[in-house]
Protein backbone atom coordinates (compact mmCIF):
# COMPACT_ATOMS: atom_id res chain seq x y z
CA MET A 1 58.88 140.09 35.65
CA LYS A 2 56.00 137.58 34.88
CA ALA A 3 52.92 137.06 37.00
CA ILE A 4 50.65 134.03 36.87
CA VAL A 5 47.10 133.77 38.24
CA ILE A 6 45.79 130.18 38.79
CA SER A 7 42.18 129.67 37.68
CA GLY A 8 39.73 126.72 37.40
CA ASN A 9 37.67 124.48 39.66
CA GLY A 10 35.71 127.30 41.21
CA THR A 11 37.97 130.25 41.30
CA ASN A 12 36.12 133.56 40.47
CA CYS A 13 38.57 136.45 41.08
CA GLU A 14 41.14 135.64 38.52
CA TYR A 15 40.42 138.49 36.12
CA GLU A 16 40.47 141.10 38.92
CA SER A 17 43.75 139.63 40.10
CA SER A 18 45.26 139.80 36.66
CA PHE A 19 44.12 143.32 36.21
CA ALA A 20 45.61 144.35 39.55
CA CYS A 21 49.00 142.88 38.40
CA ARG A 22 48.85 144.83 35.15
CA LEU A 23 48.04 148.03 36.92
CA ALA A 24 50.96 147.48 39.21
CA GLY A 25 53.44 147.31 36.38
CA PHE A 26 53.58 143.66 35.31
CA LYS A 27 53.66 143.53 31.54
CA SER A 28 53.21 139.74 31.32
CA VAL A 29 50.28 138.37 33.28
CA ASP A 30 48.87 134.92 32.46
CA ILE A 31 45.64 133.37 33.75
CA ILE A 32 46.44 129.67 33.67
CA PRO A 33 43.91 126.90 34.58
CA ILE A 34 45.28 124.45 37.24
CA TYR A 35 44.93 121.67 34.61
CA GLU A 36 47.87 123.14 32.59
CA ILE A 37 50.10 123.02 35.62
CA LEU A 38 49.00 119.45 36.41
CA THR A 39 49.65 118.23 32.83
CA GLY A 40 53.07 119.86 32.70
CA SER A 41 52.23 122.19 29.81
CA VAL A 42 52.98 125.21 32.04
CA SER A 43 55.50 125.47 34.89
CA LEU A 44 55.42 127.77 37.84
CA ASN A 45 59.23 128.14 37.52
CA ASP A 46 58.70 130.41 34.42
CA TYR A 47 57.11 133.05 36.60
CA HIS A 48 58.04 135.44 39.40
CA PHE A 49 54.72 136.24 41.11
CA LEU A 50 52.12 133.59 41.88
CA ASN A 51 48.52 134.64 42.55
CA LEU A 52 46.07 132.26 44.12
CA ALA A 53 42.69 133.80 43.47
CA GLY A 54 39.56 133.74 45.54
CA GLY A 55 36.43 131.66 44.86
CA PHE A 56 35.19 128.28 45.92
CA LEU A 57 37.78 125.69 45.02
CA ASP A 58 36.13 122.28 44.20
CA GLY A 59 32.99 123.56 45.72
CA ASP A 60 34.79 123.72 49.08
CA ASP A 61 34.33 120.01 49.42
CA LEU A 62 36.23 118.53 52.40
CA GLY A 63 36.45 122.11 53.75
CA SER A 64 37.52 125.24 51.90
CA ALA A 65 40.43 124.53 49.55
CA LYS A 66 41.25 121.15 51.10
CA ALA A 67 40.56 119.16 47.96
CA ALA A 68 42.79 121.53 46.00
CA ALA A 69 45.48 121.29 48.58
CA ASN A 70 45.51 117.43 48.23
CA ALA A 71 45.81 117.77 44.51
CA TYR A 72 48.79 120.14 44.80
CA LEU A 73 50.46 117.88 47.32
CA PHE A 74 49.85 114.40 45.78
CA ALA A 75 48.74 114.57 42.08
CA LYS A 76 51.66 113.90 39.67
CA ILE A 77 52.53 116.44 37.06
CA GLY A 78 52.05 114.77 33.66
CA SER A 79 54.08 111.57 33.41
CA THR A 80 56.66 112.77 35.94
CA SER A 81 57.10 111.89 39.65
CA LEU A 82 56.83 115.52 40.59
CA THR A 83 53.96 117.30 42.15
CA VAL A 84 52.85 120.98 42.15
CA SER A 85 54.19 121.16 45.72
CA ASP A 86 57.74 120.44 44.25
CA GLN A 87 57.40 123.40 41.94
CA LEU A 88 56.13 125.54 44.87
CA ARG A 89 59.14 124.53 46.88
CA GLN A 90 61.49 125.59 44.07
CA PHE A 91 59.51 128.79 43.56
CA ILE A 92 60.00 129.70 47.25
CA ASN A 93 63.66 128.75 47.26
CA ASP A 94 64.19 131.08 44.26
CA GLY A 95 63.03 134.00 46.29
CA LYS A 96 59.77 134.67 44.34
CA LEU A 97 56.46 135.95 45.68
CA ILE A 98 53.03 134.31 46.41
CA LEU A 99 49.86 136.11 47.24
CA GLY A 100 46.73 134.24 48.14
CA ALA A 101 43.38 136.00 48.75
CA CYS A 102 40.38 134.54 50.45
CA ASN A 103 40.18 130.95 48.91
CA GLY A 104 43.79 131.39 48.00
CA PHE A 105 44.68 132.04 51.69
CA GLN A 106 42.69 128.85 52.58
CA LEU A 107 44.78 126.98 50.04
CA LEU A 108 48.08 128.27 51.35
CA VAL A 109 47.13 127.41 54.95
CA LYS A 110 46.01 123.84 53.98
CA LEU A 111 49.16 123.33 51.96
CA GLY A 112 51.15 124.23 55.01
CA LEU A 113 52.82 127.18 53.31
CA LEU A 114 51.60 129.53 56.06
CA PRO A 115 52.76 130.30 58.60
CA ALA A 116 55.61 127.92 58.00
CA ILE A 117 57.21 128.64 61.33
CA ASP A 118 60.97 127.80 61.44
CA ASN A 119 60.64 127.32 57.60
CA GLN A 120 58.62 124.13 58.03
CA TYR A 121 56.83 124.34 54.69
CA PHE A 122 54.09 121.83 53.75
CA THR A 123 53.29 121.11 57.48
CA GLN A 124 49.83 122.44 58.27
CA THR A 125 49.54 124.06 61.67
CA VAL A 126 46.56 126.43 61.29
CA THR A 127 43.30 126.28 59.49
CA LEU A 128 40.38 128.49 58.44
CA THR A 129 36.99 127.31 59.45
CA ASN A 130 33.39 128.42 59.67
CA ASN A 131 32.58 131.94 60.72
CA ASP A 132 31.39 132.33 64.28
CA MET A 133 28.15 133.81 62.96
CA GLY A 134 27.49 130.73 60.91
CA ARG A 135 26.86 132.46 57.70
CA PHE A 136 28.58 134.00 54.72
CA GLU A 137 29.88 137.46 55.40
CA ASP A 138 30.08 140.06 52.73
CA ARG A 139 31.20 143.46 54.05
CA TRP A 140 34.09 145.99 54.20
CA VAL A 141 36.40 145.84 57.14
CA TYR A 142 39.20 147.86 58.65
CA LEU A 143 42.61 146.25 58.97
CA ALA A 144 45.51 147.22 61.28
CA VAL A 145 48.85 146.67 59.72
CA ASP A 146 51.77 145.53 61.94
CA PRO A 147 54.66 147.94 61.38
CA ASP A 148 57.16 145.40 62.64
CA SER A 149 56.24 142.78 60.10
CA ASN A 150 58.69 142.07 57.21
CA CYS A 151 55.84 141.39 54.93
CA VAL A 152 56.84 142.53 51.39
CA PHE A 153 53.22 143.30 50.37
CA THR A 154 52.20 145.64 53.26
CA LYS A 155 55.19 147.89 53.13
CA GLY A 156 54.27 151.48 53.82
CA MET A 157 50.70 150.73 55.05
CA SER A 158 48.99 151.47 58.39
CA LYS A 159 45.25 151.15 58.82
CA ILE A 160 43.50 150.13 55.61
CA GLU A 161 40.03 149.08 54.41
CA LEU A 162 39.16 146.18 52.20
CA PRO A 163 36.18 144.01 51.48
CA VAL A 164 35.64 140.39 52.71
CA ARG A 165 33.26 137.72 51.34
CA HIS A 166 33.64 134.29 52.91
CA GLY A 167 31.93 131.67 54.94
CA GLU A 168 35.07 129.97 56.28
CA GLY A 169 37.41 132.76 57.45
CA LYS A 170 37.96 132.01 61.08
CA MET A 171 41.58 131.16 61.75
CA VAL A 172 42.41 128.65 64.50
CA VAL A 173 45.73 127.23 65.41
CA LYS A 174 46.94 123.73 66.28
CA ASN A 175 48.10 124.81 69.69
CA SER A 176 49.15 127.74 72.01
CA GLU A 177 52.79 127.34 70.96
CA ILE A 178 52.06 128.00 67.25
CA LEU A 179 49.97 131.04 68.15
CA SER A 180 52.79 132.38 70.38
CA ALA A 181 55.27 131.92 67.56
CA ILE A 182 53.02 133.78 65.06
CA LEU A 183 52.69 136.67 67.31
CA LYS A 184 56.28 136.86 68.58
CA GLN A 185 57.73 136.54 65.03
CA HIS A 186 55.19 139.11 63.60
CA LEU A 187 53.77 136.63 61.11
CA ALA A 188 50.29 138.21 61.29
CA PRO A 189 50.78 141.45 59.38
CA LEU A 190 47.04 142.18 59.20
CA LYS A 191 44.41 142.21 61.99
CA TYR A 192 40.69 143.11 61.92
CA CYS A 193 40.28 146.43 63.73
CA ASP A 194 37.84 148.98 64.66
CA PRO A 195 37.57 152.36 62.88
CA LYS A 196 40.24 153.78 65.34
CA GLY A 197 42.70 151.01 64.27
CA ASN A 198 42.45 148.87 67.40
CA PRO A 199 42.49 145.10 66.72
CA THR A 200 39.15 143.66 67.89
CA MET A 201 37.36 140.33 68.36
CA ASN A 202 33.98 142.06 68.25
CA TYR A 203 31.53 141.43 65.41
CA PRO A 204 31.10 142.85 62.78
CA ALA A 205 34.51 144.59 62.71
CA ASN A 206 35.93 141.02 63.17
CA PRO A 207 33.61 139.26 60.66
CA ASN A 208 34.48 135.72 61.56
CA GLY A 209 35.90 135.37 65.02
CA SER A 210 39.48 134.71 63.93
CA VAL A 211 41.92 134.19 66.90
CA GLU A 212 43.65 137.31 67.91
CA ALA A 213 41.72 139.08 65.19
CA ILE A 214 44.23 137.69 62.56
CA ALA A 215 43.17 138.53 59.01
CA GLY A 216 46.33 137.51 57.23
CA LEU A 217 49.56 135.52 57.61
CA ILE A 218 53.01 135.55 56.17
CA ASP A 219 55.86 133.01 56.15
CA PRO A 220 59.14 134.01 57.96
CA SER A 221 60.61 135.41 54.71
CA GLY A 222 57.68 137.83 54.31
CA ARG A 223 57.34 136.76 50.66
CA ILE A 224 54.27 134.64 50.94
CA LEU A 225 51.15 136.48 52.10
CA GLY A 226 47.63 135.00 52.58
CA LEU A 227 44.75 137.15 53.71
CA MET A 228 40.95 136.75 53.86
CA PRO A 229 40.08 140.24 52.56
CA HIS A 230 40.28 140.87 48.78
CA PRO A 231 42.88 143.45 47.74
CA GLU A 232 42.09 142.82 44.06
CA ALA A 233 38.57 144.19 44.78
CA PHE A 234 39.81 147.74 45.75
CA LEU A 235 41.89 148.99 42.90
CA HIS A 236 40.16 152.31 42.25
CA TYR A 237 38.12 154.65 44.45
CA THR A 238 35.01 153.75 42.59
CA ASN A 239 35.20 150.27 43.93
CA HIS A 240 34.53 151.63 47.47
CA PRO A 241 30.86 151.65 48.58
CA ARG A 242 31.17 155.29 49.87
CA TRP A 243 32.92 156.70 46.86
CA THR A 244 30.16 159.21 46.07
CA ARG A 245 30.21 160.48 49.68
CA GLU A 246 33.80 160.59 50.61
CA ASN A 247 36.89 162.25 49.07
CA LEU A 248 38.90 159.13 48.46
CA PRO A 249 42.39 158.80 46.74
CA GLU A 250 42.03 157.62 43.15
CA GLN A 251 44.20 154.59 43.88
CA GLY A 252 42.42 151.88 45.92
CA THR A 253 44.34 150.45 48.83
CA GLY A 254 44.35 147.01 47.35
CA LEU A 255 46.53 148.07 44.51
CA ILE A 256 49.37 148.86 46.93
CA PHE A 257 49.83 145.10 47.67
CA TYR A 258 50.60 144.47 43.98
CA LYS A 259 52.80 147.55 43.50
CA ASN A 260 54.89 146.47 46.48
CA ALA A 261 55.23 142.95 44.89
CA PHE A 262 56.20 144.56 41.61
CA ASN A 263 58.81 146.90 43.09
CA TYR A 264 60.24 144.02 45.15
CA LEU A 265 60.65 141.75 42.22
CA LYS A 266 62.00 144.57 39.98
CA ASP A 267 64.74 145.25 42.57
CA LYS A 268 65.52 141.49 42.98
CA PHE A 269 65.27 140.27 39.35
CA GLY A 270 65.03 143.44 37.33
């Protein structure tokens, strides 16, 4: 299996994401600038696992990741009539996996790849906007995992802890029907919670005021996951701020996301 991590135009977590893929078992992991996709010198179709890393795409002009989403949707690849969204559609149809963390989540939402209710891809129905506190939040948070979700990445998890660092992480929805569908179809596998595992709207456990405490979304297939916390930032117990005071497992919780991805793809394409 081959993994690709998109870089360029303000991403800053591509090396951590690549390292996470390698630790999880991927032997081939390429960090590819978005320009190589847009010129046609590299194709997403050659990979099995697409990682959209965190950062500040295009300086968050037009809102976080909106300028990048427009490029993916409308810029032509090389001299062809195809766009990156055409490659993404084929990637999804082929049964492959996509993980977007933080700025990558913002990109997936603004591309309309999440939540993609009724498989309506490339139709935006939710967005991520300014945190209720009106400032950048850099902290560790607890996350409750929905046991009824079909998310490939969160298999075997319950309550976990990951870091967040964002200024635009508050999820809002187009209307109440969209929110109802997200909840009924278990498309929100991760919610901000208190230390006891109860989803909460209270700050700072919920760092941004996201509706229904939603911290991540999947599409109906469970193969596309976007989340505001950074799984690539917790791969080893020494990444945790309390590692000198608590007896933590050697493997950081974030690595499980990538191992689940590897195992799924190995079973499907191995």
